[in-house]
């Protein structure tokens, strides 16, 4: 048995840490120890503020307070059940979709029961962001051809940063970031963005056209999480361009002129949720990709430095500081971007 610490959101705007005892794994289970976990600001802040739509769904009992937040972690294997697949052994270094906790017990058949081995040269600290990265990576996969295509990313929070950085790694060029927060633009430029636009300095569409020398980019990734940003994203695309929604827009968009702004301009608008895009029923849409292939590509790209983390992680915190980190991500966007929770 293992005594584990778990971070929980106990009610809106309140987070804490509790201790629980985890049993030794059954034959179809694996017991993992986390070294680091990473905050996914969009999802976690929606729960922290009590605004996430699933909190009100009676058919989703896991989405209730106290809520165990987080879904991206890295660490090592403590114990493995004899029937657990994958050939994992005690001590193996791994990435997994773990909550913010010092240890996790995963059971075969559960949606979170996914474990990926770390490349030898990749630290758990860097690997902790790998599952979150998949949600931005979806823009590159859903777009199809990326090599040499102009791209712009609207919204440079954690998901937008990964959308931008994965597009760079996938050969898109030039790649432009768009965000009103100076620190986020600086992080994107440090990671290799060709240009960044401050929408408060003038119409973003005009600024993008001036930089590219043409009307709009071939590929737009919307990572704002704001439904009303979709028309803006559409306006940034060139005629015949693609708009891929990688943030989770919670709510309904208004003022969408489908005839003039989409139909007559031959624009494609598509969703690329980081889970659904890689599920078996959807792999036809993603070509040869599945979730395991996507996650292993991300881990190898992080290990090789092809996927840059420059400027991304602004804070590394103790578990007891989770509430402070949420407040910072909500109210201090000039200083908070990527946040890691350290468990060892």
C-alpha atoms as a PDB file:
ATOM      1  CA  UNK A   1       0.000   0.000   0.000  1.00  0.00           C
ATOM      2  CA  UNK A   2       1.000   3.603  -0.633  1.00  0.00           C
ATOM      3  CA  UNK A   3      -0.144   6.786   1.072  1.00  0.00           C
ATOM      4  CA  UNK A   4      -0.743   9.293  -1.717  1.00  0.00           C
ATOM      5  CA  UNK A   5      -1.307  13.033  -1.632  1.00  0.00           C
ATOM      6  CA  UNK A   6      -4.058  14.264  -3.937  1.00  0.00           C
ATOM      7  CA  UNK A   7      -4.802  17.859  -4.876  1.00  0.00           C
ATOM      8  CA  UNK A   8      -8.526  18.582  -5.033  1.00  0.00           C
ATOM      9  CA  UNK A   9     -10.769  21.520  -5.834  1.00  0.00           C
ATOM     10  CA  UNK A  10     -13.152  21.301  -2.882  1.00  0.00           C
ATOM     11  CA  UNK A  11     -15.561  24.011  -4.042  1.00  0.00           C
ATOM     12  CA  UNK A  12     -15.411  27.008  -6.376  1.00  0.00           C
ATOM     13  CA  UNK A  13     -12.300  29.087  -5.703  1.00  0.00           C
ATOM     14  CA  UNK A  14     -10.947  26.702  -3.080  1.00  0.00           C
ATOM     15  CA  UNK A  15      -8.302  23.981  -3.477  1.00  0.00           C
ATOM     16  CA  UNK A  16      -6.511  21.734  -1.004  1.00  0.00           C
ATOM     17  CA  UNK A  17      -4.509  18.535  -0.553  1.00  0.00           C
ATOM     18  CA  UNK A  18      -5.744  15.316   1.014  1.00  0.00           C
ATOM     19  CA  UNK A  19      -4.114  11.990   1.843  1.00  0.00           C
ATOM     20  CA  UNK A  20      -5.495   8.643   0.710  1.00  0.00           C
ATOM     21  CA  UNK A  21      -4.221   5.076   0.902  1.00  0.00           C
ATOM     22  CA  UNK A  22      -3.814   3.222  -2.378  1.00  0.00           C
ATOM     23  CA  UNK A  23      -3.741  -0.568  -2.346  1.00  0.00           C
ATOM     24  CA  UNK A  24      -1.225  -2.716  -4.170  1.00  0.00           C
ATOM     25  CA  UNK A  25      -2.275  -3.173  -7.805  1.00  0.00           C
ATOM     26  CA  UNK A  26      -4.658  -5.954  -8.774  1.00  0.00           C
ATOM     27  CA  UNK A  27      -3.619  -8.119 -11.753  1.00  0.00           C
ATOM     28  CA  UNK A  28      -5.111  -5.588 -14.210  1.00  0.00           C
ATOM     29  CA  UNK A  29      -3.733  -2.468 -12.522  1.00  0.00           C
ATOM     30  CA  UNK A  30      -0.546  -0.403 -12.387  1.00  0.00           C
ATOM     31  CA  UNK A  31       0.643   1.824  -9.533  1.00  0.00           C
ATOM     32  CA  UNK A  32       2.516   4.950 -10.627  1.00  0.00           C
ATOM     33  CA  UNK A  33       4.411   7.613  -8.691  1.00  0.00           C
ATOM     34  CA  UNK A  34       4.324  11.136 -10.111  1.00  0.00           C
ATOM     35  CA  UNK A  35       7.349  13.392 -10.031  1.00  0.00           C
ATOM     36  CA  UNK A  36       5.650  16.312 -11.783  1.00  0.00           C
ATOM     37  CA  UNK A  37       2.172  17.121 -13.057  1.00  0.00           C
ATOM     38  CA  UNK A  38       1.176  20.069 -15.250  1.00  0.00           C
ATOM     39  CA  UNK A  39      -1.789  22.418 -15.000  1.00  0.00           C
ATOM     40  CA  UNK A  40      -4.140  22.638 -17.960  1.00  0.00           C
ATOM     41  CA  UNK A  41      -5.441  26.124 -17.311  1.00  0.00           C
ATOM     42  CA  UNK A  42      -8.561  26.081 -19.498  1.00  0.00           C
ATOM     43  CA  UNK A  43     -10.171  22.954 -18.073  1.00  0.00           C
ATOM     44  CA  UNK A  44      -8.931  23.399 -14.528  1.00  0.00           C
ATOM     45  CA  UNK A  45      -9.893  27.045 -14.228  1.00  0.00           C
ATOM     46  CA  UNK A  46     -13.362  26.274 -15.598  1.00  0.00           C
ATOM     47  CA  UNK A  47     -13.787  23.838 -12.701  1.00  0.00           C
ATOM     48  CA  UNK A  48     -12.050  26.093 -10.149  1.00  0.00           C
ATOM     49  CA  UNK A  49     -14.434  28.946 -10.980  1.00  0.00           C
ATOM     50  CA  UNK A  50     -17.438  26.600 -11.027  1.00  0.00           C
ATOM     51  CA  UNK A  51     -18.268  27.434 -14.652  1.00  0.00           C
ATOM     52  CA  UNK A  52     -17.438  24.138 -16.380  1.00  0.00           C
ATOM     53  CA  UNK A  53     -20.603  22.861 -18.024  1.00  0.00           C
ATOM     54  CA  UNK A  54     -20.005  19.248 -16.969  1.00  0.00           C
ATOM     55  CA  UNK A  55     -20.267  20.156 -13.288  1.00  0.00           C
ATOM     56  CA  UNK A  56     -24.036  20.455 -13.789  1.00  0.00           C
ATOM     57  CA  UNK A  57     -24.420  17.190 -15.708  1.00  0.00           C
ATOM     58  CA  UNK A  58     -25.984  14.504 -13.445  1.00  0.00           C
ATOM     59  CA  UNK A  59     -24.675  11.808 -15.790  1.00  0.00           C
ATOM     60  CA  UNK A  60     -21.053  12.695 -15.023  1.00  0.00           C
ATOM     61  CA  UNK A  61     -20.502  11.800 -11.353  1.00  0.00           C
ATOM     62  CA  UNK A  62     -16.729  12.357 -11.561  1.00  0.00           C
ATOM     63  CA  UNK A  63     -17.324  16.014 -12.420  1.00  0.00           C
ATOM     64  CA  UNK A  64     -18.494  17.087  -8.988  1.00  0.00           C
ATOM     65  CA  UNK A  65     -16.832  18.709  -5.982  1.00  0.00           C
ATOM     66  CA  UNK A  66     -14.501  17.692  -4.472  1.00  0.00           C
ATOM     67  CA  UNK A  67     -12.909  17.467  -7.917  1.00  0.00           C
ATOM     68  CA  UNK A  68      -9.547  15.876  -8.694  1.00  0.00           C
ATOM     69  CA  UNK A  69      -8.016  18.193 -11.277  1.00  0.00           C
ATOM     70  CA  UNK A  70      -5.199  17.642 -13.748  1.00  0.00           C
ATOM     71  CA  UNK A  71      -4.617  15.120 -16.519  1.00  0.00           C
ATOM     72  CA  UNK A  72      -0.923  15.292 -17.449  1.00  0.00           C
ATOM     73  CA  UNK A  73       1.888  13.822 -15.344  1.00  0.00           C
ATOM     74  CA  UNK A  74       5.191  11.978 -15.485  1.00  0.00           C
ATOM     75  CA  UNK A  75       7.079   9.795 -13.044  1.00  0.00           C
ATOM     76  CA  UNK A  76       7.863   6.124 -12.585  1.00  0.00           C
ATOM     77  CA  UNK A  77       6.260   2.730 -12.098  1.00  0.00           C
ATOM     78  CA  UNK A  78       5.961   1.560  -8.489  1.00  0.00           C
ATOM     79  CA  UNK A  79       4.255  -1.809  -9.009  1.00  0.00           C
ATOM     80  CA  UNK A  80       2.621  -3.653 -11.911  1.00  0.00           C
ATOM     81  CA  UNK A  81      -0.192  -6.198 -11.857  1.00  0.00           C
ATOM     82  CA  UNK A  82       0.717  -9.457 -13.573  1.00  0.00           C
ATOM     83  CA  UNK A  83      -1.897  -9.001 -16.318  1.00  0.00           C
ATOM     84  CA  UNK A  84      -1.253  -5.342 -17.022  1.00  0.00           C
ATOM     85  CA  UNK A  85      -0.275  -4.922 -20.701  1.00  0.00           C
ATOM     86  CA  UNK A  86       2.751  -3.163 -22.138  1.00  0.00           C
ATOM     87  CA  UNK A  87       5.635  -4.963 -20.468  1.00  0.00           C
ATOM     88  CA  UNK A  88       6.166  -2.278 -17.832  1.00  0.00           C
ATOM     89  CA  UNK A  89       8.443  -3.012 -14.913  1.00  0.00           C
ATOM     90  CA  UNK A  90       9.038  -1.446 -11.521  1.00  0.00           C
ATOM     91  CA  UNK A  91      11.192   1.652 -11.888  1.00  0.00           C
ATOM     92  CA  UNK A  92      10.297   2.386 -15.506  1.00  0.00           C
ATOM     93  CA  UNK A  93      10.018   6.118 -16.251  1.00  0.00           C
ATOM     94  CA  UNK A  94       6.637   6.977 -17.773  1.00  0.00           C
ATOM     95  CA  UNK A  95       4.187   9.631 -18.927  1.00  0.00           C
ATOM     96  CA  UNK A  96       0.499   9.232 -18.108  1.00  0.00           C
ATOM     97  CA  UNK A  97      -2.774  11.247 -17.904  1.00  0.00           C
ATOM     98  CA  UNK A  98      -2.586  11.566 -14.147  1.00  0.00           C
ATOM     99  CA  UNK A  99      -4.433  13.923 -11.837  1.00  0.00           C
ATOM    100  CA  UNK A 100      -2.413  16.180  -9.569  1.00  0.00           C
ATOM    101  CA  UNK A 101      -1.341  13.472  -7.130  1.00  0.00           C
ATOM    102  CA  UNK A 102       1.815  11.882  -5.786  1.00  0.00           C
ATOM    103  CA  UNK A 103       0.630   8.423  -6.884  1.00  0.00           C
ATOM    104  CA  UNK A 104      -2.034   6.953  -9.181  1.00  0.00           C
ATOM    105  CA  UNK A 105      -3.586   3.505  -9.453  1.00  0.00           C
ATOM    106  CA  UNK A 106      -4.761   2.891 -13.028  1.00  0.00           C
ATOM    107  CA  UNK A 107      -7.077   0.068 -14.078  1.00  0.00           C
ATOM    108  CA  UNK A 108      -7.273  -1.525 -17.522  1.00  0.00           C
ATOM    109  CA  UNK A 109     -10.454  -0.399 -19.267  1.00  0.00           C
ATOM    110  CA  UNK A 110     -10.659   3.025 -17.629  1.00  0.00           C
ATOM    111  CA  UNK A 111     -10.308   5.958 -20.029  1.00  0.00           C
ATOM    112  CA  UNK A 112      -7.305   7.295 -18.104  1.00  0.00           C
ATOM    113  CA  UNK A 113      -5.466   3.985 -18.179  1.00  0.00           C
ATOM    114  CA  UNK A 114      -2.778   4.970 -20.673  1.00  0.00           C
ATOM    115  CA  UNK A 115       0.941   4.754 -19.936  1.00  0.00           C
ATOM    116  CA  UNK A 116       3.813   5.709 -22.234  1.00  0.00           C
ATOM    117  CA  UNK A 117       7.533   5.036 -21.673  1.00  0.00           C
ATOM    118  CA  UNK A 118       9.833   8.048 -21.571  1.00  0.00           C
ATOM    119  CA  UNK A 119      12.789   8.375 -23.938  1.00  0.00           C
ATOM    120  CA  UNK A 120      16.033   7.950 -22.020  1.00  0.00           C
ATOM    121  CA  UNK A 121      17.045  11.584 -22.472  1.00  0.00           C
ATOM    122  CA  UNK A 122      13.712  13.121 -21.436  1.00  0.00           C
ATOM    123  CA  UNK A 123      13.250  14.245 -17.834  1.00  0.00           C
ATOM    124  CA  UNK A 124       9.983  13.790 -15.983  1.00  0.00           C
ATOM    125  CA  UNK A 125       9.904  17.564 -15.510  1.00  0.00           C
ATOM    126  CA  UNK A 126       9.687  18.134 -19.272  1.00  0.00           C
ATOM    127  CA  UNK A 127       7.514  15.081 -19.912  1.00  0.00           C
ATOM    128  CA  UNK A 128       4.875  16.283 -17.454  1.00  0.00           C
ATOM    129  CA  UNK A 129       3.380  18.553 -20.122  1.00  0.00           C
ATOM    130  CA  UNK A 130       3.155  15.862 -22.813  1.00  0.00           C
ATOM    131  CA  UNK A 131      -0.519  14.951 -22.407  1.00  0.00           C
ATOM    132  CA  UNK A 132      -1.552  18.624 -22.386  1.00  0.00           C
ATOM    133  CA  UNK A 133       0.560  19.138 -25.506  1.00  0.00           C
ATOM    134  CA  UNK A 134      -1.664  16.708 -27.416  1.00  0.00           C
ATOM    135  CA  UNK A 135      -4.552  19.166 -27.237  1.00  0.00           C
ATOM    136  CA  UNK A 136      -2.568  21.780 -29.155  1.00  0.00           C
ATOM    137  CA  UNK A 137      -0.907  19.190 -31.395  1.00  0.00           C
ATOM    138  CA  UNK A 138      -4.342  18.409 -32.822  1.00  0.00           C
ATOM    139  CA  UNK A 139      -4.115  21.494 -35.063  1.00  0.00           C
ATOM    140  CA  UNK A 140      -1.133  20.052 -36.933  1.00  0.00           C
ATOM    141  CA  UNK A 141      -2.745  16.639 -37.327  1.00  0.00           C
ATOM    142  CA  UNK A 142      -6.213  17.859 -38.293  1.00  0.00           C
ATOM    143  CA  UNK A 143      -4.834  20.286 -40.874  1.00  0.00           C
ATOM    144  CA  UNK A 144      -3.239  17.494 -42.909  1.00  0.00           C
ATOM    145  CA  UNK A 145      -0.403  19.027 -44.918  1.00  0.00           C
ATOM    146  CA  UNK A 146       1.527  21.567 -42.836  1.00  0.00           C
ATOM    147  CA  UNK A 147       4.949  21.813 -44.496  1.00  0.00           C
ATOM    148  CA  UNK A 148       5.455  25.276 -45.908  1.00  0.00           C
ATOM    149  CA  UNK A 149       1.926  26.496 -45.142  1.00  0.00           C
ATOM    150  CA  UNK A 150       1.442  29.836 -43.430  1.00  0.00           C
ATOM    151  CA  UNK A 151      -0.202  29.501 -40.027  1.00  0.00           C
ATOM    152  CA  UNK A 152      -1.482  31.737 -37.265  1.00  0.00           C
ATOM    153  CA  UNK A 153      -2.504  30.759 -33.749  1.00  0.00           C
ATOM    154  CA  UNK A 154      -5.190  32.828 -32.049  1.00  0.00           C
ATOM    155  CA  UNK A 155      -4.770  32.680 -28.274  1.00  0.00           C
ATOM    156  CA  UNK A 156      -1.385  31.848 -26.748  1.00  0.00           C
ATOM    157  CA  UNK A 157      -2.286  30.214 -23.460  1.00  0.00           C
ATOM    158  CA  UNK A 158      -0.894  26.755 -22.737  1.00  0.00           C
ATOM    159  CA  UNK A 159      -2.904  25.028 -25.509  1.00  0.00           C
ATOM    160  CA  UNK A 160      -2.191  27.787 -28.010  1.00  0.00           C
ATOM    161  CA  UNK A 161       1.518  27.642 -27.186  1.00  0.00           C
ATOM    162  CA  UNK A 162       1.568  23.949 -27.994  1.00  0.00           C
ATOM    163  CA  UNK A 163      -0.463  24.483 -31.157  1.00  0.00           C
ATOM    164  CA  UNK A 164       2.086  27.060 -32.292  1.00  0.00           C
ATOM    165  CA  UNK A 165       5.137  25.041 -31.267  1.00  0.00           C
ATOM    166  CA  UNK A 166       3.827  21.861 -32.897  1.00  0.00           C
ATOM    167  CA  UNK A 167       3.083  23.731 -36.120  1.00  0.00           C
ATOM    168  CA  UNK A 168       6.672  24.967 -36.113  1.00  0.00           C
ATOM    169  CA  UNK A 169       7.905  21.411 -35.531  1.00  0.00           C
ATOM    170  CA  UNK A 170       5.634  20.199 -38.349  1.00  0.00           C
ATOM    171  CA  UNK A 171       7.192  22.593 -40.849  1.00  0.00           C
ATOM    172  CA  UNK A 172       4.532  25.298 -41.139  1.00  0.00           C
ATOM    173  CA  UNK A 173       6.042  28.619 -42.204  1.00  0.00           C
ATOM    174  CA  UNK A 174       5.705  31.402 -41.380  1.00  0.00           C
ATOM    175  CA  UNK A 175       4.004  30.816 -38.026  1.00  0.00           C
ATOM    176  CA  UNK A 176       2.381  33.796 -36.316  1.00  0.00           C
ATOM    177  CA  UNK A 177       1.073  34.089 -32.752  1.00  0.00           C
ATOM    178  CA  UNK A 178      -1.810  36.389 -31.817  1.00  0.00           C
ATOM    179  CA  UNK A 179      -2.489  37.363 -28.192  1.00  0.00           C
ATOM    180  CA  UNK A 180      -2.992  40.507 -26.146  1.00  0.00           C
ATOM    181  CA  UNK A 181      -0.651  39.420 -23.319  1.00  0.00           C
ATOM    182  CA  UNK A 182       2.976  40.551 -23.883  1.00  0.00           C
ATOM    183  CA  UNK A 183       4.513  37.673 -21.917  1.00  0.00           C
ATOM    184  CA  UNK A 184       2.677  35.102 -24.032  1.00  0.00           C
ATOM    185  CA  UNK A 185       3.860  36.738 -27.242  1.00  0.00           C
ATOM    186  CA  UNK A 186       7.424  36.819 -25.918  1.00  0.00           C
ATOM    187  CA  UNK A 187       7.236  33.108 -25.062  1.00  0.00           C
ATOM    188  CA  UNK A 188       5.992  32.292 -28.567  1.00  0.00           C
ATOM    189  CA  UNK A 189       8.812  34.284 -30.166  1.00  0.00           C
ATOM    190  CA  UNK A 190      11.367  32.611 -27.890  1.00  0.00           C
ATOM    191  CA  UNK A 191      10.067  29.219 -29.058  1.00  0.00           C
ATOM    192  CA  UNK A 192      10.555  30.122 -32.730  1.00  0.00           C
ATOM    193  CA  UNK A 193       7.434  31.959 -33.894  1.00  0.00           C
ATOM    194  CA  UNK A 194       8.210  34.111 -36.915  1.00  0.00           C
ATOM    195  CA  UNK A 195       6.037  36.986 -35.774  1.00  0.00           C
ATOM    196  CA  UNK A 196       3.516  37.915 -33.098  1.00  0.00           C
ATOM    197  CA  UNK A 197       0.545  40.262 -33.221  1.00  0.00           C
ATOM    198  CA  UNK A 198      -0.980  42.303 -30.418  1.00  0.00           C
ATOM    199  CA  UNK A 199      -4.704  42.615 -31.280  1.00  0.00           C
ATOM    200  CA  UNK A 200      -4.996  45.667 -29.036  1.00  0.00           C
ATOM    201  CA  UNK A 201      -2.559  47.525 -31.322  1.00  0.00           C
ATOM    202  CA  UNK A 202      -4.911  47.452 -34.314  1.00  0.00           C
ATOM    203  CA  UNK A 203      -7.133  45.112 -36.274  1.00  0.00           C
ATOM    204  CA  UNK A 204      -5.530  41.660 -36.136  1.00  0.00           C
ATOM    205  CA  UNK A 205      -6.714  40.821 -39.650  1.00  0.00           C
ATOM    206  CA  UNK A 206      -5.021  43.910 -41.073  1.00  0.00           C
ATOM    207  CA  UNK A 207      -1.836  43.262 -39.095  1.00  0.00           C
ATOM    208  CA  UNK A 208      -1.694  39.659 -40.295  1.00  0.00           C
ATOM    209  CA  UNK A 209      -2.288  40.650 -43.920  1.00  0.00           C
ATOM    210  CA  UNK A 210       0.416  43.306 -43.697  1.00  0.00           C
ATOM    211  CA  UNK A 211       2.937  40.809 -42.333  1.00  0.00           C
ATOM    212  CA  UNK A 212       2.105  38.005 -44.772  1.00  0.00           C
ATOM    213  CA  UNK A 213       1.615  40.266 -47.765  1.00  0.00           C
ATOM    214  CA  UNK A 214      -1.608  38.449 -48.592  1.00  0.00           C
ATOM    215  CA  UNK A 215      -5.130  38.124 -47.264  1.00  0.00           C
ATOM    216  CA  UNK A 216      -4.924  35.778 -44.292  1.00  0.00           C
ATOM    217  CA  UNK A 217      -3.026  32.618 -43.416  1.00  0.00           C
ATOM    218  CA  UNK A 218      -3.584  29.213 -44.937  1.00  0.00           C
ATOM    219  CA  UNK A 219      -4.106  27.649 -41.515  1.00  0.00           C
ATOM    220  CA  UNK A 220      -5.608  29.241 -38.415  1.00  0.00           C
ATOM    221  CA  UNK A 221      -5.592  27.471 -35.044  1.00  0.00           C
ATOM    222  CA  UNK A 222      -8.117  28.923 -32.605  1.00  0.00           C
ATOM    223  CA  UNK A 223      -7.006  28.236 -29.038  1.00  0.00           C
ATOM    224  CA  UNK A 224      -8.930  30.947 -27.230  1.00  0.00           C
ATOM    225  CA  UNK A 225     -11.635  28.731 -25.746  1.00  0.00           C
ATOM    226  CA  UNK A 226     -14.068  31.560 -26.532  1.00  0.00           C
ATOM    227  CA  UNK A 227     -16.958  30.733 -28.904  1.00  0.00           C
ATOM    228  CA  UNK A 228     -17.246  34.311 -30.169  1.00  0.00           C
ATOM    229  CA  UNK A 229     -13.624  34.139 -31.328  1.00  0.00           C
ATOM    230  CA  UNK A 230     -14.547  31.670 -34.094  1.00  0.00           C
ATOM    231  CA  UNK A 231     -15.740  34.420 -36.495  1.00  0.00           C
ATOM    232  CA  UNK A 232     -12.477  36.265 -35.808  1.00  0.00           C
ATOM    233  CA  UNK A 233     -10.499  33.113 -36.568  1.00  0.00           C
ATOM    234  CA  UNK A 234     -12.445  32.705 -39.814  1.00  0.00           C
ATOM    235  CA  UNK A 235     -11.635  36.278 -40.812  1.00  0.00           C
ATOM    236  CA  UNK A 236      -7.921  35.589 -40.349  1.00  0.00           C
ATOM    237  CA  UNK A 237      -7.915  32.697 -42.830  1.00  0.00           C
ATOM    238  CA  UNK A 238      -7.200  33.176 -46.503  1.00  0.00           C
ATOM    239  CA  UNK A 239      -9.830  32.179 -49.048  1.00  0.00           C
ATOM    240  CA  UNK A 240      -9.862  28.395 -49.129  1.00  0.00           C
ATOM    241  CA  UNK A 241      -8.046  28.281 -45.796  1.00  0.00           C
ATOM    242  CA  UNK A 242      -8.579  26.103 -42.754  1.00  0.00           C
ATOM    243  CA  UNK A 243      -9.653  27.008 -39.232  1.00  0.00           C
ATOM    244  CA  UNK A 244      -8.940  24.318 -36.639  1.00  0.00           C
ATOM    245  CA  UNK A 245     -10.442  24.756 -33.177  1.00  0.00           C
ATOM    246  CA  UNK A 246      -8.106  23.304 -30.545  1.00  0.00           C
ATOM    247  CA  UNK A 247      -9.212  25.203 -27.455  1.00  0.00           C
ATOM    248  CA  UNK A 248     -12.440  24.034 -25.852  1.00  0.00           C
ATOM    249  CA  UNK A 249     -15.007  26.754 -26.636  1.00  0.00           C
ATOM    250  CA  UNK A 250     -17.612  26.481 -23.893  1.00  0.00           C
ATOM    251  CA  UNK A 251     -20.811  28.130 -25.036  1.00  0.00           C
ATOM    252  CA  UNK A 252     -22.415  29.355 -28.264  1.00  0.00           C
ATOM    253  CA  UNK A 253     -20.990  31.673 -30.886  1.00  0.00           C
ATOM    254  CA  UNK A 254     -22.942  34.657 -32.182  1.00  0.00           C
ATOM    255  CA  UNK A 255     -22.859  36.705 -35.357  1.00  0.00           C
ATOM    256  CA  UNK A 256     -21.533  33.968 -37.643  1.00  0.00           C
ATOM    257  CA  UNK A 257     -22.304  34.775 -41.278  1.00  0.00           C
ATOM    258  CA  UNK A 258     -22.023  31.330 -42.815  1.00  0.00           C
ATOM    259  CA  UNK A 259     -22.769  32.478 -46.362  1.00  0.00           C
ATOM    260  CA  UNK A 260     -20.372  35.409 -46.770  1.00  0.00           C
ATOM    261  CA  UNK A 261     -17.697  34.463 -44.252  1.00  0.00           C
ATOM    262  CA  UNK A 262     -17.525  30.689 -44.723  1.00  0.00           C
ATOM    263  CA  UNK A 263     -19.436  29.347 -47.732  1.00  0.00           C
ATOM    264  CA  UNK A 264     -18.419  31.934 -50.349  1.00  0.00           C
ATOM    265  CA  UNK A 265     -14.840  31.961 -49.110  1.00  0.00           C
ATOM    266  CA  UNK A 266     -14.551  28.148 -49.204  1.00  0.00           C
ATOM    267  CA  UNK A 267     -13.205  28.014 -45.643  1.00  0.00           C
ATOM    268  CA  UNK A 268     -13.054  24.802 -43.684  1.00  0.00           C
ATOM    269  CA  UNK A 269     -13.821  25.056 -39.948  1.00  0.00           C
ATOM    270  CA  UNK A 270     -13.185  21.922 -37.934  1.00  0.00           C
ATOM    271  CA  UNK A 271     -12.754  20.738 -34.371  1.00  0.00           C
ATOM    272  CA  UNK A 272      -9.681  18.913 -33.118  1.00  0.00           C
ATOM    273  CA  UNK A 273     -10.289  17.855 -29.521  1.00  0.00           C
ATOM    274  CA  UNK A 274      -7.156  16.215 -28.173  1.00  0.00           C
ATOM    275  CA  UNK A 275      -9.005  13.061 -27.163  1.00  0.00           C
ATOM    276  CA  UNK A 276     -11.647  12.583 -29.844  1.00  0.00           C
ATOM    277  CA  UNK A 277      -9.309  13.228 -32.759  1.00  0.00           C
ATOM    278  CA  UNK A 278      -7.201  10.230 -31.789  1.00  0.00           C
ATOM    279  CA  UNK A 279      -9.904   7.785 -30.717  1.00  0.00           C
ATOM    280  CA  UNK A 280     -10.382   4.666 -32.915  1.00  0.00           C
ATOM    281  CA  UNK A 281     -13.644   5.902 -34.464  1.00  0.00           C
ATOM    282  CA  UNK A 282     -11.910   9.065 -35.667  1.00  0.00           C
ATOM    283  CA  UNK A 283      -8.494   7.856 -36.795  1.00  0.00           C
ATOM    284  CA  UNK A 284      -9.630   7.880 -40.406  1.00  0.00           C
ATOM    285  CA  UNK A 285      -9.927  11.660 -40.090  1.00  0.00           C
ATOM    286  CA  UNK A 286      -6.465  11.909 -38.617  1.00  0.00           C
ATOM    287  CA  UNK A 287      -4.782   9.727 -41.198  1.00  0.00           C
ATOM    288  CA  UNK A 288      -2.487   7.155 -39.656  1.00  0.00           C
ATOM    289  CA  UNK A 289      -2.542   8.753 -36.197  1.00  0.00           C
ATOM    290  CA  UNK A 290      -3.892   7.234 -33.017  1.00  0.00           C
ATOM    291  CA  UNK A 291      -3.463   8.426 -29.441  1.00  0.00           C
ATOM    292  CA  UNK A 292      -0.449   6.257 -28.670  1.00  0.00           C
ATOM    293  CA  UNK A 293       1.364   7.342 -31.822  1.00  0.00           C
ATOM    294  CA  UNK A 294       0.572  10.986 -31.107  1.00  0.00           C
ATOM    295  CA  UNK A 295       1.800  10.739 -27.523  1.00  0.00           C
ATOM    296  CA  UNK A 296       5.000   8.953 -28.468  1.00  0.00           C
ATOM    297  CA  UNK A 297       5.698  11.551 -31.177  1.00  0.00           C
ATOM    298  CA  UNK A 298       5.303  14.305 -28.603  1.00  0.00           C
ATOM    299  CA  UNK A 299       7.619  12.587 -26.119  1.00  0.00           C
ATOM    300  CA  UNK A 300      10.293  12.013 -28.771  1.00  0.00           C
ATOM    301  CA  UNK A 301       9.941  15.590 -30.024  1.00  0.00           C
ATOM    302  CA  UNK A 302      10.344  16.921 -26.485  1.00  0.00           C
ATOM    303  CA  UNK A 303      13.397  14.709 -25.916  1.00  0.00           C
ATOM    304  CA  UNK A 304      15.028  15.850 -29.160  1.00  0.00           C
ATOM    305  CA  UNK A 305      14.236  19.520 -28.607  1.00  0.00           C
ATOM    306  CA  UNK A 306      12.230  19.599 -31.815  1.00  0.00           C
ATOM    307  CA  UNK A 307       9.250  20.642 -29.707  1.00  0.00           C
ATOM    308  CA  UNK A 308      10.484  23.636 -27.738  1.00  0.00           C
ATOM    309  CA  UNK A 309       9.511  24.393 -24.144  1.00  0.00           C
ATOM    310  CA  UNK A 310      11.384  27.707 -24.128  1.00  0.00           C
ATOM    311  CA  UNK A 311       9.518  30.331 -22.142  1.00  0.00           C
ATOM    312  CA  UNK A 312       6.606  28.012 -21.425  1.00  0.00           C
ATOM    313  CA  UNK A 313       6.942  27.019 -17.750  1.00  0.00           C
ATOM    314  CA  UNK A 314       6.763  30.112 -15.584  1.00  0.00           C
ATOM    315  CA  UNK A 315       6.154  28.470 -12.185  1.00  0.00           C
ATOM    316  CA  UNK A 316       6.941  25.219 -10.416  1.00  0.00           C
ATOM    317  CA  UNK A 317       4.891  24.876  -7.246  1.00  0.00           C
ATOM    318  CA  UNK A 318       4.294  22.631  -4.252  1.00  0.00           C
ATOM    319  CA  UNK A 319       0.908  20.854  -4.197  1.00  0.00           C
ATOM    320  CA  UNK A 320      -0.318  23.120  -1.407  1.00  0.00           C
ATOM    321  CA  UNK A 321       0.142  26.129  -3.717  1.00  0.00           C
ATOM    322  CA  UNK A 322      -2.361  24.918  -6.311  1.00  0.00           C
ATOM    323  CA  UNK A 323      -5.008  27.457  -5.314  1.00  0.00           C
ATOM    324  CA  UNK A 324      -2.469  30.283  -5.540  1.00  0.00           C
ATOM    325  CA  UNK A 325      -1.483  29.076  -9.012  1.00  0.00           C
ATOM    326  CA  UNK A 326      -5.106  29.058 -10.149  1.00  0.00           C
ATOM    327  CA  UNK A 327      -5.519  32.617  -8.867  1.00  0.00           C
ATOM    328  CA  UNK A 328      -2.373  33.639 -10.728  1.00  0.00           C
ATOM    329  CA  UNK A 329      -3.514  32.017 -13.964  1.00  0.00           C
ATOM    330  CA  UNK A 330      -6.851  33.799 -13.619  1.00  0.00           C
ATOM    331  CA  UNK A 331      -5.672  37.252 -12.610  1.00  0.00           C
ATOM    332  CA  UNK A 332      -1.971  37.626 -13.443  1.00  0.00           C
ATOM    333  CA  UNK A 333      -1.599  36.601 -17.074  1.00  0.00           C
ATOM    334  CA  UNK A 334       1.479  38.791 -17.460  1.00  0.00           C
ATOM    335  CA  UNK A 335       3.414  36.382 -15.233  1.00  0.00           C
ATOM    336  CA  UNK A 336       1.607  33.005 -15.253  1.00  0.00           C
ATOM    337  CA  UNK A 337       1.585  30.667 -18.256  1.00  0.00           C
ATOM    338  CA  UNK A 338       2.788  27.089 -17.730  1.00  0.00           C
ATOM    339  CA  UNK A 339       2.669  25.729 -14.182  1.00  0.00           C
ATOM    340  CA  UNK A 340       4.151  22.465 -12.925  1.00  0.00           C
ATOM    341  CA  UNK A 341       3.326  20.767  -9.621  1.00  0.00           C
ATOM    342  CA  UNK A 342       6.363  19.080  -8.071  1.00  0.00           C
ATOM    343  CA  UNK A 343       5.649  15.906  -6.099  1.00  0.00           C
ATOM    344  CA  UNK A 344       9.157  14.752  -5.094  1.00  0.00           C
END
